[in-house]
Amino acid sequence: MFTNRMPLVAVCLLLLSMLLTACATSRVMEQHPAYASGGDEFAEVVFFRPMPQRTRGIADNDVTVEIDKQPVMELSAGEYVVVKIKPMDVKVTLRNMTYITYKVMPEEVSRARKYVFEANKRYYIEAQLKVEEYRGLYFVPKETEESEALDIISRLKPVNQPLS
């Protein structure tokens, strides 16, 4: 009786694990005006979101990373992404959903910082969690020193390529 159901159960478990994995993986946009191409000079920018972040609920969802108001990626907790950006002045924005005190529905919140990316340099930008009692949970783009960033990143999962 059970032997006929075993392949079905195995397939269901496989599909469930694939679905859960897909939901918890960062997505990097294929194209963006800030991306360096071909033989162009570039700055290597590493975006990362440390673990554990015990935000519970909707704030656990992916954080949208934007450069100059255009999405670059959706960043999941416990992952990092390496991108090659043209040398330029940019505004990096992090957007997420959160519950704000006295509001029934979640709202989108964002925080932004300006950066100057120079060619042949590597930058580490952390999605740093901030918790405020009345304004909910949000993420701030924070440039992190290399030694601290590498220590954190060593425990994270690379999305598009591992750091070399």
C-alpha atoms as a PDB file:
ATOM      1  CA  MET A   1       0.000   0.000   0.000  1.00  0.00           C
ATOM      2  CA  PHE A   2       2.746   2.502   0.920  1.00  0.00           C
ATOM      3  CA  THR A   3       5.095   1.538  -1.918  1.00  0.00           C
ATOM      4  CA  ASN A   4       2.786   3.062  -4.548  1.00  0.00           C
ATOM      5  CA  ARG A   5       2.736   6.394  -2.707  1.00  0.00           C
ATOM      6  CA  MET A   6       6.473   6.690  -2.027  1.00  0.00           C
ATOM      7  CA  PRO A   7       7.385   8.214  -5.432  1.00  0.00           C
ATOM      8  CA  LEU A   8       4.529  10.715  -5.101  1.00  0.00           C
ATOM      9  CA  VAL A   9       5.648  11.699  -1.608  1.00  0.00           C
ATOM     10  CA  ALA A  10       9.249  12.091  -2.790  1.00  0.00           C
ATOM     11  CA  VAL A  11       8.183  14.314  -5.698  1.00  0.00           C
ATOM     12  CA  CYS A  12       6.002  16.445  -3.403  1.00  0.00           C
ATOM     13  CA  LEU A  13       8.856  16.899  -0.929  1.00  0.00           C
ATOM     14  CA  LEU A  14      11.241  17.848  -3.728  1.00  0.00           C
ATOM     15  CA  LEU A  15       8.816  20.430  -5.123  1.00  0.00           C
ATOM     16  CA  LEU A  16       8.220  21.864  -1.663  1.00  0.00           C
ATOM     17  CA  SER A  17      11.937  22.221  -0.986  1.00  0.00           C
ATOM     18  CA  MET A  18      12.465  23.877  -4.392  1.00  0.00           C
ATOM     19  CA  LEU A  19       9.636  26.316  -3.683  1.00  0.00           C
ATOM     20  CA  LEU A  20      11.013  27.227  -0.261  1.00  0.00           C
ATOM     21  CA  THR A  21      14.519  27.666  -1.664  1.00  0.00           C
ATOM     22  CA  ALA A  22      13.261  29.882  -4.480  1.00  0.00           C
ATOM     23  CA  CYS A  23      11.453  32.121  -2.006  1.00  0.00           C
ATOM     24  CA  ALA A  24      14.588  32.627   0.076  1.00  0.00           C
ATOM     25  CA  THR A  25      17.082  33.434  -2.652  1.00  0.00           C
ATOM     26  CA  SER A  26      18.146  36.890  -3.756  1.00  0.00           C
ATOM     27  CA  ARG A  27      17.383  37.937  -7.289  1.00  0.00           C
ATOM     28  CA  VAL A  28      19.796  40.119  -9.234  1.00  0.00           C
ATOM     29  CA  MET A  29      18.455  42.196 -12.127  1.00  0.00           C
ATOM     30  CA  GLU A  30      20.090  41.220 -15.402  1.00  0.00           C
ATOM     31  CA  GLN A  31      20.603  44.771 -16.648  1.00  0.00           C
ATOM     32  CA  HIS A  32      20.928  48.162 -15.038  1.00  0.00           C
ATOM     33  CA  PRO A  33      22.312  51.482 -16.365  1.00  0.00           C
ATOM     34  CA  ALA A  34      24.906  51.536 -13.547  1.00  0.00           C
ATOM     35  CA  TYR A  35      26.361  48.114 -14.411  1.00  0.00           C
ATOM     36  CA  ALA A  36      29.796  48.112 -16.040  1.00  0.00           C
ATOM     37  CA  SER A  37      30.027  46.128 -19.253  1.00  0.00           C
ATOM     38  CA  GLY A  38      32.760  44.450 -21.241  1.00  0.00           C
ATOM     39  CA  GLY A  39      36.167  46.061 -20.800  1.00  0.00           C
ATOM     40  CA  ASP A  40      34.864  49.104 -18.916  1.00  0.00           C
ATOM     41  CA  GLU A  41      36.516  50.086 -15.674  1.00  0.00           C
ATOM     42  CA  PHE A  42      34.377  49.268 -12.680  1.00  0.00           C
ATOM     43  CA  ALA A  43      33.993  49.340  -8.926  1.00  0.00           C
ATOM     44  CA  GLU A  44      33.158  46.001  -7.348  1.00  0.00           C
ATOM     45  CA  VAL A  45      30.283  46.448  -4.907  1.00  0.00           C
ATOM     46  CA  VAL A  46      29.321  43.722  -2.459  1.00  0.00           C
ATOM     47  CA  PHE A  47      25.808  44.047  -1.028  1.00  0.00           C
ATOM     48  CA  PHE A  48      25.132  41.815   1.970  1.00  0.00           C
ATOM     49  CA  ARG A  49      22.440  41.151   4.533  1.00  0.00           C
ATOM     50  CA  PRO A  50      23.704  39.466   7.707  1.00  0.00           C
ATOM     51  CA  MET A  51      22.043  36.707   9.676  1.00  0.00           C
ATOM     52  CA  PRO A  52      20.384  36.296  12.039  1.00  0.00           C
ATOM     53  CA  GLN A  53      17.886  39.099  11.748  1.00  0.00           C
ATOM     54  CA  ARG A  54      14.971  38.299  13.966  1.00  0.00           C
ATOM     55  CA  THR A  55      12.469  40.645  12.412  1.00  0.00           C
ATOM     56  CA  ARG A  56       9.482  38.275  12.295  1.00  0.00           C
ATOM     57  CA  GLY A  57       6.750  38.767   9.799  1.00  0.00           C
ATOM     58  CA  ILE A  58       6.786  40.887   6.707  1.00  0.00           C
ATOM     59  CA  ALA A  59      10.135  42.543   7.473  1.00  0.00           C
ATOM     60  CA  ASP A  60      11.749  39.123   6.903  1.00  0.00           C
ATOM     61  CA  ASN A  61      10.924  39.438   3.198  1.00  0.00           C
ATOM     62  CA  ASP A  62      13.571  40.430   0.683  1.00  0.00           C
ATOM     63  CA  VAL A  63      14.955  43.961   0.743  1.00  0.00           C
ATOM     64  CA  THR A  64      14.916  45.798  -2.587  1.00  0.00           C
ATOM     65  CA  VAL A  65      18.240  47.435  -3.431  1.00  0.00           C
ATOM     66  CA  GLU A  66      18.048  50.385  -5.818  1.00  0.00           C
ATOM     67  CA  ILE A  67      20.731  52.456  -7.466  1.00  0.00           C
ATOM     68  CA  ASP A  68      19.541  55.876  -8.576  1.00  0.00           C
ATOM     69  CA  LYS A  69      15.881  54.892  -8.142  1.00  0.00           C
ATOM     70  CA  GLN A  70      16.122  51.750 -10.298  1.00  0.00           C
ATOM     71  CA  PRO A  71      16.043  48.256  -8.744  1.00  0.00           C
ATOM     72  CA  VAL A  72      19.290  46.293  -8.842  1.00  0.00           C
ATOM     73  CA  MET A  73      18.333  43.248  -6.749  1.00  0.00           C
ATOM     74  CA  GLU A  74      16.140  41.690  -4.107  1.00  0.00           C
ATOM     75  CA  LEU A  75      18.406  40.768  -1.189  1.00  0.00           C
ATOM     76  CA  SER A  76      17.509  37.919   1.171  1.00  0.00           C
ATOM     77  CA  ALA A  77      18.771  37.515   4.730  1.00  0.00           C
ATOM     78  CA  GLY A  78      21.995  35.518   4.961  1.00  0.00           C
ATOM     79  CA  GLU A  79      23.179  36.259   1.414  1.00  0.00           C
ATOM     80  CA  TYR A  80      25.555  38.516  -0.454  1.00  0.00           C
ATOM     81  CA  VAL A  81      25.737  39.716  -4.052  1.00  0.00           C
ATOM     82  CA  VAL A  82      28.728  41.029  -5.996  1.00  0.00           C
ATOM     83  CA  VAL A  83      28.067  43.533  -8.808  1.00  0.00           C
ATOM     84  CA  LYS A  84      30.310  45.586 -11.072  1.00  0.00           C
ATOM     85  CA  ILE A  85      29.273  49.231 -11.139  1.00  0.00           C
ATOM     86  CA  LYS A  86      30.543  52.000 -13.376  1.00  0.00           C
ATOM     87  CA  PRO A  87      32.655  54.584 -11.532  1.00  0.00           C
ATOM     88  CA  MET A  88      30.062  57.184 -10.561  1.00  0.00           C
ATOM     89  CA  ASP A  89      28.213  59.058  -7.827  1.00  0.00           C
ATOM     90  CA  VAL A  90      25.085  57.108  -6.909  1.00  0.00           C
ATOM     91  CA  LYS A  91      22.269  56.999  -4.421  1.00  0.00           C
ATOM     92  CA  VAL A  92      21.753  53.521  -2.940  1.00  0.00           C
ATOM     93  CA  THR A  93      18.263  52.950  -1.541  1.00  0.00           C
ATOM     94  CA  LEU A  94      16.993  49.981   0.479  1.00  0.00           C
ATOM     95  CA  ARG A  95      13.225  49.347   0.489  1.00  0.00           C
ATOM     96  CA  ASN A  96      11.259  46.927   2.617  1.00  0.00           C
ATOM     97  CA  MET A  97       7.779  46.355   3.976  1.00  0.00           C
ATOM     98  CA  THR A  98       7.059  46.796   7.689  1.00  0.00           C
ATOM     99  CA  TYR A  99       4.261  47.281  10.141  1.00  0.00           C
ATOM    100  CA  ILE A 100       4.076  50.763  11.601  1.00  0.00           C
ATOM    101  CA  THR A 101       2.444  51.360  14.961  1.00  0.00           C
ATOM    102  CA  TYR A 102      -1.267  52.203  14.756  1.00  0.00           C
ATOM    103  CA  LYS A 103      -1.554  51.133  11.099  1.00  0.00           C
ATOM    104  CA  VAL A 104      -3.359  47.965  10.101  1.00  0.00           C
ATOM    105  CA  MET A 105      -1.713  47.343   6.741  1.00  0.00           C
ATOM    106  CA  PRO A 106       2.049  47.075   6.200  1.00  0.00           C
ATOM    107  CA  GLU A 107       3.782  49.980   4.515  1.00  0.00           C
ATOM    108  CA  GLU A 108       6.861  50.310   2.364  1.00  0.00           C
ATOM    109  CA  VAL A 109       9.743  52.166   3.999  1.00  0.00           C
ATOM    110  CA  SER A 110      13.104  53.139   2.580  1.00  0.00           C
ATOM    111  CA  ARG A 111      16.431  54.613   3.560  1.00  0.00           C
ATOM    112  CA  ALA A 112      19.099  55.921   1.183  1.00  0.00           C
ATOM    113  CA  ARG A 113      22.729  57.009   1.204  1.00  0.00           C
ATOM    114  CA  LYS A 114      24.965  58.582  -1.418  1.00  0.00           C
ATOM    115  CA  TYR A 115      28.158  56.850  -2.482  1.00  0.00           C
ATOM    116  CA  VAL A 116      31.012  57.659  -4.817  1.00  0.00           C
ATOM    117  CA  PHE A 117      32.192  54.465  -6.490  1.00  0.00           C
ATOM    118  CA  GLU A 118      35.716  54.683  -7.893  1.00  0.00           C
ATOM    119  CA  ALA A 119      37.237  52.362 -10.492  1.00  0.00           C
ATOM    120  CA  ASN A 120      39.331  49.409  -9.311  1.00  0.00           C
ATOM    121  CA  LYS A 121      38.022  49.567  -5.732  1.00  0.00           C
ATOM    122  CA  ARG A 122      35.795  47.200  -3.764  1.00  0.00           C
ATOM    123  CA  TYR A 123      32.983  48.459  -1.554  1.00  0.00           C
ATOM    124  CA  TYR A 124      31.023  46.522   1.059  1.00  0.00           C
ATOM    125  CA  ILE A 125      27.489  47.750   1.677  1.00  0.00           C
ATOM    126  CA  GLU A 126      25.525  46.121   4.455  1.00  0.00           C
ATOM    127  CA  ALA A 127      21.731  46.129   4.699  1.00  0.00           C
ATOM    128  CA  GLN A 128      21.849  47.128   8.354  1.00  0.00           C
ATOM    129  CA  LEU A 129      18.668  46.451  10.318  1.00  0.00           C
ATOM    130  CA  LYS A 130      17.217  49.317  12.359  1.00  0.00           C
ATOM    131  CA  VAL A 131      14.298  48.858  14.719  1.00  0.00           C
ATOM    132  CA  GLU A 132      12.230  51.817  15.844  1.00  0.00           C
ATOM    133  CA  GLU A 133       9.258  51.463  18.115  1.00  0.00           C
ATOM    134  CA  TYR A 134       6.823  53.603  16.128  1.00  0.00           C
ATOM    135  CA  ARG A 135       8.345  53.568  12.639  1.00  0.00           C
ATOM    136  CA  GLY A 136       8.759  49.812  12.326  1.00  0.00           C
ATOM    137  CA  LEU A 137      11.773  47.931  10.987  1.00  0.00           C
ATOM    138  CA  TYR A 138      13.867  49.246   8.140  1.00  0.00           C
ATOM    139  CA  PHE A 139      17.249  48.715   6.545  1.00  0.00           C
ATOM    140  CA  VAL A 140      19.963  51.316   6.088  1.00  0.00           C
ATOM    141  CA  PRO A 141      22.747  50.975   3.497  1.00  0.00           C
ATOM    142  CA  LYS A 142      25.944  51.089   5.546  1.00  0.00           C
ATOM    143  CA  GLU A 143      29.437  51.012   4.081  1.00  0.00           C
ATOM    144  CA  THR A 144      31.387  48.509   6.162  1.00  0.00           C
ATOM    145  CA  GLU A 145      35.136  48.198   6.633  1.00  0.00           C
ATOM    146  CA  GLU A 146      36.683  45.331   4.682  1.00  0.00           C
ATOM    147  CA  SER A 147      37.851  43.273   7.673  1.00  0.00           C
ATOM    148  CA  GLU A 148      34.442  43.424   9.386  1.00  0.00           C
ATOM    149  CA  ALA A 149      32.584  42.778   6.120  1.00  0.00           C
ATOM    150  CA  LEU A 150      34.731  39.762   5.220  1.00  0.00           C
ATOM    151  CA  ASP A 151      34.144  38.284   8.667  1.00  0.00           C
ATOM    152  CA  ILE A 152      30.362  38.612   8.239  1.00  0.00           C
ATOM    153  CA  ILE A 153      30.376  37.499   4.586  1.00  0.00           C
ATOM    154  CA  SER A 154      32.310  34.339   5.468  1.00  0.00           C
ATOM    155  CA  ARG A 155      29.093  33.078   7.089  1.00  0.00           C
ATOM    156  CA  LEU A 156      26.799  34.134   4.227  1.00  0.00           C
ATOM    157  CA  LYS A 157      25.741  32.457   0.991  1.00  0.00           C
ATOM    158  CA  PRO A 158      26.975  33.946  -2.316  1.00  0.00           C
ATOM    159  CA  VAL A 159      24.186  34.563  -4.838  1.00  0.00           C
ATOM    160  CA  ASN A 160      25.903  35.262  -8.139  1.00  0.00           C
ATOM    161  CA  GLN A 161      29.607  34.647  -7.490  1.00  0.00           C
ATOM    162  CA  PRO A 162      31.811  34.035  -4.462  1.00  0.00           C
ATOM    163  CA  LEU A 163      34.303  36.670  -3.419  1.00  0.00           C
ATOM    164  CA  SER A 164      37.834  36.021  -4.608  1.00  0.00           C
END
